[in-house]
Amino acid sequence: MTKRRVVPSKGLGRQNEPAVLILTSLASGDKHGHALLKDIESFAGVTLGPGTLYGAITRLEERGFIAATPSTDRRQPYEITVGGRAALSAALTEMRALASEGARRLELRTSTRGGSPWWSGTATT
């Protein structure tokens, strides 16, 4: 289960996919499960439960997006693969396109209605 940090505003909250969070974390270097949890919490403000984390790790490994690396202790580190980097890049491109389109539509609606811009924090109805 994904636990999300409570956001003070009444907005939609964060829309984060565990696989994208894991790939993003591994893009900066190899990590084991606990290190992944801590890193994801620090950069995304999302606390993944162990079942969510390890289920996503299993699926990412099956798809060839991450691979286990040699370990000298009981913790199993993982690394992002070339395929994982390509998948993360594609996901980020899609997110940018969606964010850009959403911003464009908000801007268009604001400019046609004469209200405050969406980024000002005041609602336009």
C-alpha atoms as a PDB file:
ATOM      1  CA  MET A   1       0.000   0.000   0.000  1.00  0.00           C
ATOM      2  CA  THR A   2       1.293   3.466  -0.858  1.00  0.00           C
ATOM      3  CA  LYS A   3       1.114   5.897   2.033  1.00  0.00           C
ATOM      4  CA  ARG A   4       1.054   9.507   0.965  1.00  0.00           C
ATOM      5  CA  ARG A   5       2.173  12.411   3.074  1.00  0.00           C
ATOM      6  CA  VAL A   6      -0.712  14.726   3.933  1.00  0.00           C
ATOM      7  CA  VAL A   7      -0.502  17.918   1.910  1.00  0.00           C
ATOM      8  CA  PRO A   8      -1.742  21.060   3.726  1.00  0.00           C
ATOM      9  CA  SER A   9      -3.700  22.319   0.701  1.00  0.00           C
ATOM     10  CA  LYS A  10      -6.887  20.665  -0.458  1.00  0.00           C
ATOM     11  CA  GLY A  11      -5.391  19.845  -3.872  1.00  0.00           C
ATOM     12  CA  LEU A  12      -5.311  16.560  -5.704  1.00  0.00           C
ATOM     13  CA  GLY A  13      -2.162  15.379  -3.939  1.00  0.00           C
ATOM     14  CA  ARG A  14       0.735  13.654  -5.649  1.00  0.00           C
ATOM     15  CA  GLN A  15       0.170  11.196  -8.434  1.00  0.00           C
ATOM     16  CA  ASN A  16       3.156   8.868  -8.105  1.00  0.00           C
ATOM     17  CA  GLU A  17       3.651   5.448  -9.589  1.00  0.00           C
ATOM     18  CA  PRO A  18       5.946   3.233  -7.459  1.00  0.00           C
ATOM     19  CA  ALA A  19       7.822   1.952 -10.533  1.00  0.00           C
ATOM     20  CA  VAL A  20       8.661   5.506 -11.635  1.00  0.00           C
ATOM     21  CA  LEU A  21       9.754   6.409  -8.106  1.00  0.00           C
ATOM     22  CA  ILE A  22      12.029   3.361  -7.896  1.00  0.00           C
ATOM     23  CA  LEU A  23      13.567   3.977 -11.322  1.00  0.00           C
ATOM     24  CA  THR A  24      14.101   7.637 -10.438  1.00  0.00           C
ATOM     25  CA  SER A  25      15.878   6.642  -7.235  1.00  0.00           C
ATOM     26  CA  LEU A  26      18.065   4.068  -8.972  1.00  0.00           C
ATOM     27  CA  ALA A  27      18.978   6.561 -11.704  1.00  0.00           C
ATOM     28  CA  SER A  28      21.351   8.158  -9.157  1.00  0.00           C
ATOM     29  CA  GLY A  29      22.994   4.857  -8.156  1.00  0.00           C
ATOM     30  CA  ASP A  30      22.487   1.334  -6.859  1.00  0.00           C
ATOM     31  CA  LYS A  31      20.377   0.918  -3.710  1.00  0.00           C
ATOM     32  CA  HIS A  32      18.869  -1.834  -1.569  1.00  0.00           C
ATOM     33  CA  GLY A  33      15.236  -1.789  -0.410  1.00  0.00           C
ATOM     34  CA  HIS A  34      15.589   0.312   2.739  1.00  0.00           C
ATOM     35  CA  ALA A  35      17.785   2.868   0.951  1.00  0.00           C
ATOM     36  CA  LEU A  36      15.169   3.075  -1.827  1.00  0.00           C
ATOM     37  CA  LEU A  37      12.415   3.742   0.715  1.00  0.00           C
ATOM     38  CA  LYS A  38      14.413   6.526   2.387  1.00  0.00           C
ATOM     39  CA  ASP A  39      15.467   8.130  -0.906  1.00  0.00           C
ATOM     40  CA  ILE A  40      11.930   8.072  -2.343  1.00  0.00           C
ATOM     41  CA  GLU A  41      10.565   9.589   0.840  1.00  0.00           C
ATOM     42  CA  SER A  42      13.193  12.352   0.708  1.00  0.00           C
ATOM     43  CA  PHE A  43      12.700  13.398  -2.934  1.00  0.00           C
ATOM     44  CA  ALA A  44       8.998  12.636  -3.439  1.00  0.00           C
ATOM     45  CA  GLY A  45       7.474  12.827   0.030  1.00  0.00           C
ATOM     46  CA  VAL A  46       5.932   9.389  -0.518  1.00  0.00           C
ATOM     47  CA  THR A  47       6.233   6.519   1.958  1.00  0.00           C
ATOM     48  CA  LEU A  48       5.944   3.204   0.156  1.00  0.00           C
ATOM     49  CA  GLY A  49       4.956   0.168   2.171  1.00  0.00           C
ATOM     50  CA  PRO A  50       7.222  -2.885   1.929  1.00  0.00           C
ATOM     51  CA  GLY A  51       4.649  -4.842  -0.093  1.00  0.00           C
ATOM     52  CA  THR A  52       4.328  -2.017  -2.615  1.00  0.00           C
ATOM     53  CA  LEU A  53       8.104  -1.599  -2.861  1.00  0.00           C
ATOM     54  CA  TYR A  54       8.990  -5.251  -3.276  1.00  0.00           C
ATOM     55  CA  GLY A  55       6.043  -5.962  -5.583  1.00  0.00           C
ATOM     56  CA  ALA A  56       7.195  -3.130  -7.850  1.00  0.00           C
ATOM     57  CA  ILE A  57      10.820  -4.334  -7.644  1.00  0.00           C
ATOM     58  CA  THR A  58       9.704  -7.806  -8.750  1.00  0.00           C
ATOM     59  CA  ARG A  59       7.765  -6.414 -11.722  1.00  0.00           C
ATOM     60  CA  LEU A  60      10.644  -4.106 -12.716  1.00  0.00           C
ATOM     61  CA  GLU A  61      13.090  -7.026 -12.548  1.00  0.00           C
ATOM     62  CA  GLU A  62      10.774  -9.245 -14.618  1.00  0.00           C
ATOM     63  CA  ARG A  63      10.584  -6.527 -17.291  1.00  0.00           C
ATOM     64  CA  GLY A  64      14.356  -6.107 -17.309  1.00  0.00           C
ATOM     65  CA  PHE A  65      14.220  -2.502 -16.061  1.00  0.00           C
ATOM     66  CA  ILE A  66      16.314  -3.210 -12.963  1.00  0.00           C
ATOM     67  CA  ALA A  67      18.779  -5.936 -12.014  1.00  0.00           C
ATOM     68  CA  ALA A  68      20.087  -7.286  -8.720  1.00  0.00           C
ATOM     69  CA  THR A  69      23.778  -6.571  -8.150  1.00  0.00           C
ATOM     70  CA  PRO A  70      26.279  -8.647  -6.162  1.00  0.00           C
ATOM     71  CA  SER A  71      26.075  -8.190  -2.400  1.00  0.00           C
ATOM     72  CA  THR A  72      28.329  -9.169   0.483  1.00  0.00           C
ATOM     73  CA  ASP A  73      25.573  -8.990   3.100  1.00  0.00           C
ATOM     74  CA  ARG A  74      21.889  -9.909   3.398  1.00  0.00           C
ATOM     75  CA  ARG A  75      20.693  -6.682   1.730  1.00  0.00           C
ATOM     76  CA  GLN A  76      20.082  -6.975  -2.008  1.00  0.00           C
ATOM     77  CA  PRO A  77      21.063  -3.894  -4.027  1.00  0.00           C
ATOM     78  CA  TYR A  78      19.519  -3.135  -7.407  1.00  0.00           C
ATOM     79  CA  GLU A  79      20.667  -1.121 -10.390  1.00  0.00           C
ATOM     80  CA  ILE A  80      18.730   0.479 -13.229  1.00  0.00           C
ATOM     81  CA  THR A  81      19.374  -1.153 -16.614  1.00  0.00           C
ATOM     82  CA  VAL A  82      19.602   0.452 -20.049  1.00  0.00           C
ATOM     83  CA  GLY A  83      15.989  -0.608 -20.610  1.00  0.00           C
ATOM     84  CA  GLY A  84      15.013   0.931 -17.278  1.00  0.00           C
ATOM     85  CA  ARG A  85      16.653   4.233 -18.222  1.00  0.00           C
ATOM     86  CA  ALA A  86      14.739   4.213 -21.518  1.00  0.00           C
ATOM     87  CA  ALA A  87      11.452   3.412 -19.733  1.00  0.00           C
ATOM     88  CA  LEU A  88      12.032   6.176 -17.166  1.00  0.00           C
ATOM     89  CA  SER A  89      12.904   8.653 -19.901  1.00  0.00           C
ATOM     90  CA  ALA A  90       9.709   7.770 -21.803  1.00  0.00           C
ATOM     91  CA  ALA A  91       7.586   8.095 -18.641  1.00  0.00           C
ATOM     92  CA  LEU A  92       9.104  11.500 -17.843  1.00  0.00           C
ATOM     93  CA  THR A  93       8.482  12.688 -21.399  1.00  0.00           C
ATOM     94  CA  GLU A  94       4.818  11.656 -21.083  1.00  0.00           C
ATOM     95  CA  MET A  95       4.535  13.429 -17.715  1.00  0.00           C
ATOM     96  CA  ARG A  96       6.051  16.609 -19.139  1.00  0.00           C
ATOM     97  CA  ALA A  97       3.644  16.518 -22.092  1.00  0.00           C
ATOM     98  CA  LEU A  98       0.652  16.051 -19.776  1.00  0.00           C
ATOM     99  CA  ALA A  99       1.821  18.819 -17.423  1.00  0.00           C
ATOM    100  CA  SER A 100       2.407  21.134 -20.363  1.00  0.00           C
ATOM    101  CA  GLU A 101      -1.031  20.440 -21.828  1.00  0.00           C
ATOM    102  CA  GLY A 102      -2.721  20.903 -18.452  1.00  0.00           C
ATOM    103  CA  ALA A 103      -0.936  24.229 -17.920  1.00  0.00           C
ATOM    104  CA  ARG A 104      -1.806  25.331 -21.470  1.00  0.00           C
ATOM    105  CA  ARG A 105      -5.478  24.564 -20.938  1.00  0.00           C
ATOM    106  CA  LEU A 106      -5.569  26.361 -17.594  1.00  0.00           C
ATOM    107  CA  GLU A 107      -3.852  29.370 -19.157  1.00  0.00           C
ATOM    108  CA  LEU A 108      -6.281  29.347 -22.103  1.00  0.00           C
ATOM    109  CA  ARG A 109      -9.317  29.169 -19.835  1.00  0.00           C
ATOM    110  CA  THR A 110      -7.962  31.934 -17.597  1.00  0.00           C
ATOM    111  CA  SER A 111      -7.192  34.224 -20.525  1.00  0.00           C
ATOM    112  CA  THR A 112     -10.618  33.726 -22.117  1.00  0.00           C
ATOM    113  CA  ARG A 113     -12.464  34.360 -18.846  1.00  0.00           C
ATOM    114  CA  GLY A 114     -10.365  37.248 -17.610  1.00  0.00           C
ATOM    115  CA  GLY A 115      -9.620  35.622 -14.255  1.00  0.00           C
ATOM    116  CA  SER A 116      -6.483  35.233 -12.224  1.00  0.00           C
ATOM    117  CA  PRO A 117      -3.738  33.038 -13.675  1.00  0.00           C
ATOM    118  CA  TRP A 118      -3.742  29.452 -12.382  1.00  0.00           C
ATOM    119  CA  TRP A 119      -0.398  29.896 -10.656  1.00  0.00           C
ATOM    120  CA  SER A 120      -1.597  32.824  -8.525  1.00  0.00           C
ATOM    121  CA  GLY A 121      -3.440  30.542  -6.118  1.00  0.00           C
ATOM    122  CA  THR A 122      -6.826  32.226  -6.643  1.00  0.00           C
ATOM    123  CA  ALA A 123      -9.587  30.219  -8.216  1.00  0.00           C
ATOM    124  CA  THR A 124     -11.262  31.166 -11.460  1.00  0.00           C
ATOM    125  CA  THR A 125     -14.770  29.866 -11.996  1.00  0.00           C
END
